[in-house]
Amino acid sequence: MRKNVLLAWATRYGSTEEVAHAIADDLLKQGFTVHAQPMAEVKSVDRYDAAVLGFALYMSHIHKDARRFLATHEEQLRHVPVAVFCLGPVHAEEKEFVEARRQLDKQLMRFPWLSPVALEIVGGRFDPGKLGYLRLIPAMRNMPTSDARNWEAIHSWAYHLPAALETASMR
């Protein structure tokens, strides 16, 4: 497999972008050429050998930029291995990860053509100071800041991505 990878993300508050850059750095260390950019800025997927896509679940839905990206680039993405990481739970509780996976699976059913070669639920980050208009909801602004991103697990997933991408490209 040639190693020209698109790493695209959709984020509202920046947490997904931080994870995307960490994964990009790990892939660069493994010899990949990585083009990292927000999904909204991707014009074409034609020149890539694989795609790694990241987005968050907001209120049980995939970020709107990710939905748009998947719909716009469906034909191109059908021809390359695709890996997906999704930020979800803001607490490191197993039941929240199970629920996030259920929600993600439900959302991905809207894209039946998409069969990720690797799929990972990553904990999310919650910062009430970055909520924008949602700060008007008292329960939201009174929630404590949390960060359930497990950086060791994120790096481990990124370390194993080349094998998943390689296996998929040989099919």
N, C-alpha and C. Protein backbone atom coordinates (compact mmCIF):
# COMPACT_ATOMS: atom_id res chain seq x y z
N MET A 1 0.84 -1.18 0.00
CA MET A 1 0.00 0.00 0.00
C MET A 1 0.88 1.25 0.00
N ARG A 2 0.55 2.18 -0.88
CA ARG A 2 1.20 3.48 -0.78
C ARG A 2 0.68 4.13 0.50
N LYS A 3 1.36 5.11 0.99
CA LYS A 3 1.04 5.61 2.32
C LYS A 3 0.58 7.06 2.33
N ASN A 4 -0.25 7.44 1.41
CA ASN A 4 -0.76 8.80 1.33
C ASN A 4 -2.16 8.81 1.97
N VAL A 5 -2.25 9.35 3.18
CA VAL A 5 -3.47 9.23 3.98
C VAL A 5 -4.10 10.59 4.23
N LEU A 6 -5.41 10.65 4.04
CA LEU A 6 -6.19 11.81 4.45
C LEU A 6 -6.64 11.58 5.88
N LEU A 7 -6.36 12.53 6.74
CA LEU A 7 -6.89 12.49 8.10
C LEU A 7 -7.77 13.74 8.24
N ALA A 8 -9.07 13.52 8.23
CA ALA A 8 -10.02 14.63 8.24
C ALA A 8 -10.90 14.53 9.48
N TRP A 9 -11.27 15.69 10.01
CA TRP A 9 -12.06 15.72 11.24
C TRP A 9 -13.16 16.76 11.13
N ALA A 10 -14.17 16.56 11.96
CA ALA A 10 -15.23 17.54 12.16
C ALA A 10 -15.30 17.79 13.66
N THR A 11 -15.26 19.04 14.04
CA THR A 11 -15.24 19.36 15.47
C THR A 11 -16.03 20.63 15.73
N ARG A 12 -16.58 20.73 16.88
CA ARG A 12 -17.30 21.93 17.28
C ARG A 12 -16.47 22.76 18.26
N TYR A 13 -15.79 22.08 19.18
CA TYR A 13 -15.07 22.78 20.24
C TYR A 13 -13.56 22.50 20.24
N GLY A 14 -13.06 21.73 19.29
CA GLY A 14 -11.63 21.52 19.15
C GLY A 14 -11.07 20.22 19.68
N SER A 15 -11.84 19.48 20.45
CA SER A 15 -11.33 18.25 21.04
C SER A 15 -11.01 17.19 19.98
N THR A 16 -11.88 17.06 18.99
CA THR A 16 -11.65 16.08 17.93
C THR A 16 -10.41 16.45 17.12
N GLU A 17 -10.21 17.72 16.90
CA GLU A 17 -9.01 18.16 16.16
C GLU A 17 -7.75 17.80 16.94
N GLU A 18 -7.76 17.95 18.25
CA GLU A 18 -6.59 17.59 19.06
C GLU A 18 -6.27 16.10 18.91
N VAL A 19 -7.31 15.26 18.94
CA VAL A 19 -7.10 13.82 18.76
C VAL A 19 -6.60 13.53 17.36
N ALA A 20 -7.17 14.21 16.36
CA ALA A 20 -6.74 14.01 14.97
C ALA A 20 -5.25 14.31 14.80
N HIS A 21 -4.80 15.39 15.39
CA HIS A 21 -3.37 15.74 15.27
C HIS A 21 -2.49 14.71 15.96
N ALA A 22 -2.94 14.18 17.07
CA ALA A 22 -2.16 13.13 17.74
C ALA A 22 -2.05 11.88 16.86
N ILE A 23 -3.16 11.50 16.25
CA ILE A 23 -3.15 10.33 15.35
C ILE A 23 -2.29 10.61 14.12
N ALA A 24 -2.40 11.82 13.57
CA ALA A 24 -1.57 12.19 12.42
C ALA A 24 -0.09 12.08 12.77
N ASP A 25 0.30 12.58 13.93
CA ASP A 25 1.70 12.49 14.36
C ASP A 25 2.15 11.04 14.46
N ASP A 26 1.30 10.18 15.00
CA ASP A 26 1.64 8.76 15.12
C ASP A 26 1.80 8.12 13.74
N LEU A 27 0.95 8.47 12.80
CA LEU A 27 1.06 7.91 11.45
C LEU A 27 2.31 8.43 10.74
N LEU A 28 2.62 9.69 10.94
CA LEU A 28 3.85 10.25 10.36
C LEU A 28 5.08 9.49 10.87
N LYS A 29 5.09 9.16 12.15
CA LYS A 29 6.22 8.42 12.73
C LYS A 29 6.33 7.02 12.14
N GLN A 30 5.23 6.52 11.58
CA GLN A 30 5.23 5.18 10.98
C GLN A 30 5.46 5.24 9.47
N GLY A 31 5.83 6.40 8.97
CA GLY A 31 6.21 6.51 7.57
C GLY A 31 5.11 6.92 6.60
N PHE A 32 3.97 7.30 7.10
CA PHE A 32 2.88 7.72 6.23
C PHE A 32 3.03 9.20 5.88
N THR A 33 2.55 9.55 4.70
CA THR A 33 2.36 10.95 4.35
C THR A 33 0.93 11.26 4.76
N VAL A 34 0.75 12.22 5.65
CA VAL A 34 -0.58 12.50 6.20
C VAL A 34 -0.99 13.92 5.84
N HIS A 35 -2.17 14.04 5.29
CA HIS A 35 -2.76 15.34 4.98
C HIS A 35 -3.91 15.53 5.95
N ALA A 36 -3.69 16.35 6.97
CA ALA A 36 -4.68 16.54 8.03
C ALA A 36 -5.40 17.87 7.82
N GLN A 37 -6.73 17.79 7.78
CA GLN A 37 -7.52 19.02 7.62
C GLN A 37 -8.96 18.79 8.03
N PRO A 38 -9.66 19.87 8.34
CA PRO A 38 -11.08 19.74 8.67
C PRO A 38 -11.85 19.18 7.48
N MET A 39 -12.85 18.38 7.76
CA MET A 39 -13.66 17.79 6.70
C MET A 39 -14.27 18.85 5.79
N ALA A 40 -14.66 19.97 6.36
CA ALA A 40 -15.29 21.03 5.57
C ALA A 40 -14.36 21.62 4.52
N GLU A 41 -13.06 21.41 4.66
CA GLU A 41 -12.09 21.96 3.71
C GLU A 41 -11.63 20.95 2.67
N VAL A 42 -12.02 19.68 2.80
CA VAL A 42 -11.59 18.65 1.86
C VAL A 42 -12.39 18.81 0.57
N LYS A 43 -11.66 18.97 -0.54
CA LYS A 43 -12.32 19.12 -1.85
C LYS A 43 -12.46 17.79 -2.58
N SER A 44 -11.49 16.89 -2.36
CA SER A 44 -11.50 15.61 -3.06
C SER A 44 -10.75 14.58 -2.24
N VAL A 45 -11.11 13.34 -2.43
CA VAL A 45 -10.44 12.23 -1.75
C VAL A 45 -9.66 11.39 -2.76
N ASP A 46 -9.72 11.77 -4.03
CA ASP A 46 -9.13 10.99 -5.12
C ASP A 46 -7.65 10.65 -4.95
N ARG A 47 -6.86 11.56 -4.42
CA ARG A 47 -5.41 11.34 -4.41
C ARG A 47 -4.91 10.55 -3.20
N TYR A 48 -5.83 10.08 -2.36
CA TYR A 48 -5.41 9.39 -1.13
C TYR A 48 -5.56 7.87 -1.26
N ASP A 49 -4.67 7.19 -0.56
CA ASP A 49 -4.70 5.72 -0.53
C ASP A 49 -5.58 5.21 0.60
N ALA A 50 -5.88 6.07 1.56
CA ALA A 50 -6.71 5.69 2.72
C ALA A 50 -7.22 6.97 3.36
N ALA A 51 -8.26 6.82 4.17
CA ALA A 51 -8.81 7.96 4.90
C ALA A 51 -9.03 7.56 6.35
N VAL A 52 -8.65 8.46 7.25
CA VAL A 52 -8.93 8.32 8.67
C VAL A 52 -9.82 9.50 9.02
N LEU A 53 -11.01 9.21 9.50
CA LEU A 53 -12.01 10.24 9.73
C LEU A 53 -12.38 10.31 11.20
N GLY A 54 -12.45 11.52 11.72
CA GLY A 54 -12.80 11.72 13.12
C GLY A 54 -13.91 12.74 13.28
N PHE A 55 -14.80 12.44 14.19
CA PHE A 55 -15.91 13.35 14.50
C PHE A 55 -16.45 12.99 15.86
N ALA A 56 -17.31 13.84 16.36
CA ALA A 56 -17.91 13.59 17.67
C ALA A 56 -19.39 13.32 17.52
N LEU A 57 -19.92 12.70 18.55
CA LEU A 57 -21.37 12.56 18.67
C LEU A 57 -21.87 13.72 19.51
N TYR A 58 -22.84 14.43 18.98
CA TYR A 58 -23.48 15.52 19.72
C TYR A 58 -24.95 15.19 19.82
N MET A 59 -25.44 15.05 21.04
CA MET A 59 -26.85 14.74 21.25
C MET A 59 -27.26 13.52 20.41
N SER A 60 -26.41 12.49 20.40
CA SER A 60 -26.63 11.22 19.71
C SER A 60 -26.52 11.29 18.19
N HIS A 61 -26.00 12.38 17.65
CA HIS A 61 -25.87 12.52 16.20
C HIS A 61 -24.43 12.82 15.82
N ILE A 62 -24.05 12.33 14.64
CA ILE A 62 -22.74 12.63 14.09
C ILE A 62 -22.70 14.11 13.71
N HIS A 63 -21.58 14.73 13.94
CA HIS A 63 -21.38 16.14 13.58
C HIS A 63 -21.85 16.38 12.15
N LYS A 64 -22.53 17.50 11.92
CA LYS A 64 -23.12 17.80 10.60
C LYS A 64 -22.07 17.86 9.50
N ASP A 65 -20.87 18.35 9.79
CA ASP A 65 -19.82 18.38 8.76
C ASP A 65 -19.41 16.97 8.36
N ALA A 66 -19.45 16.04 9.29
CA ALA A 66 -19.11 14.64 8.97
C ALA A 66 -20.20 14.02 8.10
N ARG A 67 -21.45 14.28 8.43
CA ARG A 67 -22.55 13.75 7.60
C ARG A 67 -22.43 14.29 6.17
N ARG A 68 -22.17 15.57 6.05
CA ARG A 68 -22.03 16.20 4.74
C ARG A 68 -20.83 15.61 3.99
N PHE A 69 -19.71 15.43 4.69
CA PHE A 69 -18.50 14.88 4.09
C PHE A 69 -18.76 13.47 3.55
N LEU A 70 -19.38 12.64 4.36
CA LEU A 70 -19.65 11.26 3.93
C LEU A 70 -20.59 11.22 2.73
N ALA A 71 -21.59 12.08 2.71
CA ALA A 71 -22.51 12.12 1.58
C ALA A 71 -21.82 12.66 0.32
N THR A 72 -21.01 13.69 0.48
CA THR A 72 -20.35 14.32 -0.67
C THR A 72 -19.30 13.42 -1.29
N HIS A 73 -18.54 12.71 -0.48
CA HIS A 73 -17.40 11.93 -0.97
C HIS A 73 -17.65 10.42 -1.00
N GLU A 74 -18.90 10.03 -0.96
CA GLU A 74 -19.24 8.60 -0.92
C GLU A 74 -18.54 7.81 -2.02
N GLU A 75 -18.65 8.25 -3.25
CA GLU A 75 -18.10 7.47 -4.36
C GLU A 75 -16.59 7.30 -4.22
N GLN A 76 -15.88 8.34 -3.82
CA GLN A 76 -14.43 8.25 -3.66
C GLN A 76 -14.06 7.36 -2.46
N LEU A 77 -14.81 7.48 -1.38
CA LEU A 77 -14.50 6.72 -0.18
C LEU A 77 -14.77 5.23 -0.34
N ARG A 78 -15.61 4.88 -1.28
CA ARG A 78 -15.88 3.45 -1.54
C ARG A 78 -14.63 2.72 -2.03
N HIS A 79 -13.65 3.45 -2.53
CA HIS A 79 -12.49 2.84 -3.18
C HIS A 79 -11.21 2.88 -2.35
N VAL A 80 -11.30 3.34 -1.12
CA VAL A 80 -10.12 3.37 -0.24
C VAL A 80 -10.50 2.83 1.13
N PRO A 81 -9.53 2.27 1.84
CA PRO A 81 -9.81 1.87 3.22
C PRO A 81 -10.11 3.11 4.07
N VAL A 82 -11.12 3.00 4.91
CA VAL A 82 -11.52 4.10 5.78
C VAL A 82 -11.51 3.62 7.23
N ALA A 83 -10.86 4.40 8.08
CA ALA A 83 -10.88 4.15 9.52
C ALA A 83 -11.60 5.33 10.16
N VAL A 84 -12.32 5.06 11.25
CA VAL A 84 -13.12 6.09 11.91
C VAL A 84 -12.82 6.10 13.40
N PHE A 85 -12.61 7.31 13.93
CA PHE A 85 -12.60 7.48 15.38
C PHE A 85 -13.67 8.49 15.73
N CYS A 86 -14.33 8.24 16.85
CA CYS A 86 -15.48 9.06 17.24
C CYS A 86 -15.36 9.43 18.71
N LEU A 87 -15.45 10.71 18.99
CA LEU A 87 -15.45 11.17 20.37
C LEU A 87 -16.88 11.14 20.88
N GLY A 88 -17.05 10.63 22.07
CA GLY A 88 -18.39 10.51 22.61
C GLY A 88 -18.47 10.83 24.08
N PRO A 89 -18.34 9.82 24.91
CA PRO A 89 -18.56 10.00 26.34
C PRO A 89 -17.60 11.02 26.95
N VAL A 90 -18.12 11.82 27.85
CA VAL A 90 -17.27 12.80 28.53
C VAL A 90 -16.88 12.31 29.92
N HIS A 91 -17.30 11.11 30.27
CA HIS A 91 -16.88 10.47 31.51
C HIS A 91 -16.34 9.10 31.16
N ALA A 92 -15.31 8.66 31.85
CA ALA A 92 -14.67 7.39 31.55
C ALA A 92 -15.42 6.23 32.20
N GLU A 93 -16.70 6.13 31.91
CA GLU A 93 -17.53 5.06 32.44
C GLU A 93 -17.92 4.11 31.31
N GLU A 94 -17.74 2.82 31.56
CA GLU A 94 -17.98 1.81 30.54
C GLU A 94 -19.37 1.91 29.93
N LYS A 95 -20.38 2.15 30.76
CA LYS A 95 -21.76 2.22 30.24
C LYS A 95 -21.92 3.37 29.25
N GLU A 96 -21.19 4.47 29.45
CA GLU A 96 -21.26 5.58 28.50
C GLU A 96 -20.61 5.21 27.17
N PHE A 97 -19.53 4.44 27.22
CA PHE A 97 -18.88 4.00 25.99
C PHE A 97 -19.77 3.02 25.22
N VAL A 98 -20.43 2.14 25.94
CA VAL A 98 -21.35 1.19 25.31
C VAL A 98 -22.50 1.95 24.63
N GLU A 99 -23.04 2.93 25.32
CA GLU A 99 -24.13 3.72 24.75
C GLU A 99 -23.65 4.54 23.55
N ALA A 100 -22.45 5.10 23.63
CA ALA A 100 -21.91 5.86 22.51
C ALA A 100 -21.73 4.96 21.28
N ARG A 101 -21.28 3.74 21.51
CA ARG A 101 -21.11 2.79 20.38
C ARG A 101 -22.46 2.46 19.76
N ARG A 102 -23.47 2.30 20.59
CA ARG A 102 -24.82 2.02 20.08
C ARG A 102 -25.29 3.20 19.23
N GLN A 103 -25.08 4.41 19.73
CA GLN A 103 -25.50 5.59 18.99
C GLN A 103 -24.72 5.74 17.68
N LEU A 104 -23.42 5.48 17.74
CA LEU A 104 -22.60 5.57 16.53
C LEU A 104 -23.05 4.55 15.49
N ASP A 105 -23.25 3.32 15.91
CA ASP A 105 -23.71 2.29 14.98
C ASP A 105 -25.02 2.70 14.32
N LYS A 106 -25.92 3.27 15.10
CA LYS A 106 -27.20 3.73 14.56
C LYS A 106 -26.98 4.84 13.53
N GLN A 107 -26.10 5.78 13.83
CA GLN A 107 -25.83 6.87 12.90
C GLN A 107 -25.15 6.37 11.62
N LEU A 108 -24.23 5.41 11.76
CA LEU A 108 -23.53 4.89 10.58
C LEU A 108 -24.44 4.07 9.68
N MET A 109 -25.57 3.62 10.19
CA MET A 109 -26.53 2.90 9.34
C MET A 109 -27.06 3.81 8.23
N ARG A 110 -26.95 5.11 8.39
CA ARG A 110 -27.35 6.06 7.34
C ARG A 110 -26.40 6.01 6.15
N PHE A 111 -25.26 5.37 6.35
CA PHE A 111 -24.24 5.24 5.31
C PHE A 111 -23.91 3.76 5.13
N PRO A 112 -24.85 2.97 4.60
CA PRO A 112 -24.66 1.52 4.54
C PRO A 112 -23.46 1.09 3.70
N TRP A 113 -22.98 1.92 2.85
CA TRP A 113 -21.83 1.62 2.02
C TRP A 113 -20.52 1.70 2.81
N LEU A 114 -20.54 2.36 3.97
CA LEU A 114 -19.33 2.58 4.75
C LEU A 114 -19.06 1.40 5.67
N SER A 115 -17.91 0.77 5.48
CA SER A 115 -17.47 -0.34 6.34
C SER A 115 -16.07 -0.03 6.84
N PRO A 116 -15.96 0.71 7.94
CA PRO A 116 -14.63 1.09 8.43
C PRO A 116 -13.75 -0.13 8.73
N VAL A 117 -12.48 -0.04 8.33
CA VAL A 117 -11.53 -1.11 8.62
C VAL A 117 -11.07 -1.06 10.06
N ALA A 118 -11.28 0.08 10.69
CA ALA A 118 -10.99 0.26 12.12
C ALA A 118 -11.97 1.31 12.63
N LEU A 119 -12.52 1.04 13.79
CA LEU A 119 -13.52 1.94 14.37
C LEU A 119 -13.27 2.03 15.87
N GLU A 120 -13.13 3.25 16.36
CA GLU A 120 -12.79 3.43 17.78
C GLU A 120 -13.65 4.53 18.38
N ILE A 121 -14.22 4.23 19.54
CA ILE A 121 -14.89 5.25 20.33
C ILE A 121 -13.84 5.82 21.28
N VAL A 122 -13.67 7.11 21.23
CA VAL A 122 -12.70 7.81 22.07
C VAL A 122 -13.49 8.68 23.03
N GLY A 123 -13.06 8.74 24.24
CA GLY A 123 -13.72 9.63 25.18
C GLY A 123 -13.63 11.07 24.71
N GLY A 124 -14.57 11.86 25.12
CA GLY A 124 -14.60 13.25 24.72
C GLY A 124 -14.21 14.18 25.85
N ARG A 125 -14.29 15.47 25.56
CA ARG A 125 -13.97 16.49 26.54
C ARG A 125 -15.18 17.42 26.65
N PHE A 126 -15.48 17.83 27.86
CA PHE A 126 -16.58 18.77 28.09
C PHE A 126 -16.04 19.97 28.84
N ASP A 127 -16.24 21.15 28.25
CA ASP A 127 -15.80 22.40 28.88
C ASP A 127 -16.97 23.38 28.81
N PRO A 128 -17.66 23.58 29.93
CA PRO A 128 -18.83 24.47 29.90
C PRO A 128 -18.50 25.88 29.43
N GLY A 129 -17.26 26.29 29.51
CA GLY A 129 -16.86 27.61 29.04
C GLY A 129 -16.88 27.75 27.54
N LYS A 130 -16.98 26.63 26.82
CA LYS A 130 -16.97 26.66 25.36
C LYS A 130 -18.32 26.32 24.76
N LEU A 131 -19.36 26.41 25.53
CA LEU A 131 -20.67 25.94 25.07
C LEU A 131 -21.43 26.90 24.15
N GLY A 132 -21.03 28.12 24.06
CA GLY A 132 -21.79 29.06 23.23
C GLY A 132 -23.19 29.24 23.79
N TYR A 133 -24.19 29.17 22.92
CA TYR A 133 -25.57 29.40 23.36
C TYR A 133 -26.07 28.36 24.35
N LEU A 134 -25.47 27.18 24.39
CA LEU A 134 -25.90 26.16 25.35
C LEU A 134 -25.60 26.55 26.79
N ARG A 135 -24.75 27.58 26.98
CA ARG A 135 -24.49 28.07 28.34
C ARG A 135 -25.75 28.63 28.98
N LEU A 136 -26.72 28.95 28.16
CA LEU A 136 -27.97 29.49 28.68
C LEU A 136 -28.79 28.45 29.44
N ILE A 137 -28.47 27.19 29.25
CA ILE A 137 -29.16 26.11 29.96
C ILE A 137 -28.44 25.91 31.29
N PRO A 138 -29.10 26.23 32.40
CA PRO A 138 -28.43 26.16 33.71
C PRO A 138 -27.75 24.82 34.00
N ALA A 139 -28.41 23.73 33.66
CA ALA A 139 -27.82 22.42 33.94
C ALA A 139 -26.50 22.23 33.19
N MET A 140 -26.40 22.78 32.00
CA MET A 140 -25.19 22.63 31.20
C MET A 140 -24.03 23.45 31.78
N ARG A 141 -24.30 24.68 32.15
CA ARG A 141 -23.20 25.52 32.63
C ARG A 141 -22.73 25.13 34.03
N ASN A 142 -23.56 24.37 34.75
CA ASN A 142 -23.17 23.92 36.08
C ASN A 142 -22.44 22.58 36.07
N MET A 143 -22.35 21.95 34.90
CA MET A 143 -21.63 20.68 34.80
C MET A 143 -20.13 20.95 34.91
N PRO A 144 -19.41 20.10 35.60
CA PRO A 144 -17.96 20.31 35.72
C PRO A 144 -17.23 19.98 34.42
N THR A 145 -16.09 20.60 34.25
CA THR A 145 -15.23 20.29 33.12
C THR A 145 -14.77 18.84 33.25
N SER A 146 -14.72 18.13 32.13
CA SER A 146 -14.24 16.75 32.16
C SER A 146 -13.49 16.44 30.86
N ASP A 147 -12.63 15.46 30.94
CA ASP A 147 -11.87 15.02 29.77
C ASP A 147 -11.69 13.51 29.88
N ALA A 148 -12.43 12.77 29.08
CA ALA A 148 -12.39 11.31 29.13
C ALA A 148 -11.53 10.72 28.00
N ARG A 149 -10.74 11.58 27.35
CA ARG A 149 -9.88 11.07 26.28
C ARG A 149 -8.74 10.27 26.92
N ASN A 150 -8.59 9.05 26.49
CA ASN A 150 -7.53 8.17 26.98
C ASN A 150 -6.41 8.20 25.94
N TRP A 151 -5.41 9.03 26.18
CA TRP A 151 -4.37 9.23 25.18
C TRP A 151 -3.56 7.96 24.91
N GLU A 152 -3.38 7.14 25.90
CA GLU A 152 -2.68 5.87 25.68
C GLU A 152 -3.45 5.00 24.70
N ALA A 153 -4.77 4.92 24.88
CA ALA A 153 -5.61 4.13 23.97
C ALA A 153 -5.64 4.74 22.57
N ILE A 154 -5.66 6.05 22.49
CA ILE A 154 -5.65 6.74 21.19
C ILE A 154 -4.37 6.41 20.43
N HIS A 155 -3.23 6.52 21.11
CA HIS A 155 -1.95 6.22 20.46
C HIS A 155 -1.85 4.74 20.08
N SER A 156 -2.39 3.87 20.91
CA SER A 156 -2.39 2.44 20.59
C SER A 156 -3.22 2.18 19.33
N TRP A 157 -4.38 2.81 19.25
CA TRP A 157 -5.23 2.64 18.06
C TRP A 157 -4.48 3.13 16.82
N ALA A 158 -3.85 4.30 16.93
CA ALA A 158 -3.11 4.85 15.79
C ALA A 158 -1.94 3.93 15.41
N TYR A 159 -1.30 3.35 16.40
CA TYR A 159 -0.18 2.44 16.13
C TYR A 159 -0.64 1.23 15.31
N HIS A 160 -1.86 0.75 15.57
CA HIS A 160 -2.37 -0.43 14.87
C HIS A 160 -3.08 -0.10 13.56
N LEU A 161 -3.28 1.17 13.26
CA LEU A 161 -3.96 1.55 12.02
C LEU A 161 -3.27 1.04 10.76
N PRO A 162 -1.96 1.15 10.63
CA PRO A 162 -1.34 0.70 9.38
C PRO A 162 -1.69 -0.74 9.02
N ALA A 163 -1.72 -1.62 9.98
CA ALA A 163 -2.06 -3.02 9.69
C ALA A 163 -3.48 -3.14 9.15
N ALA A 164 -4.43 -2.41 9.75
CA ALA A 164 -5.82 -2.46 9.29
C ALA A 164 -5.94 -1.87 7.89
N LEU A 165 -5.26 -0.77 7.65
CA LEU A 165 -5.32 -0.13 6.34
C LEU A 165 -4.67 -1.00 5.27
N GLU A 166 -3.55 -1.62 5.63
CA GLU A 166 -2.83 -2.50 4.69
C GLU A 166 -3.68 -3.71 4.33
N THR A 167 -4.26 -4.36 5.33
CA THR A 167 -5.10 -5.55 5.08
C THR A 167 -6.26 -5.19 4.16
N ALA A 168 -6.88 -4.05 4.40
CA ALA A 168 -8.01 -3.63 3.59
C ALA A 168 -7.60 -3.31 2.17
N SER A 169 -6.42 -2.73 1.98
CA SER A 169 -6.00 -2.35 0.63
C SER A 169 -5.64 -3.55 -0.21
N MET A 170 -5.37 -4.70 0.42
CA MET A 170 -5.02 -5.92 -0.33
C MET A 170 -6.25 -6.66 -0.82
N ARG A 171 -7.42 -6.26 -0.39
CA ARG A 171 -8.65 -6.95 -0.80
C ARG A 171 -9.00 -6.66 -2.22
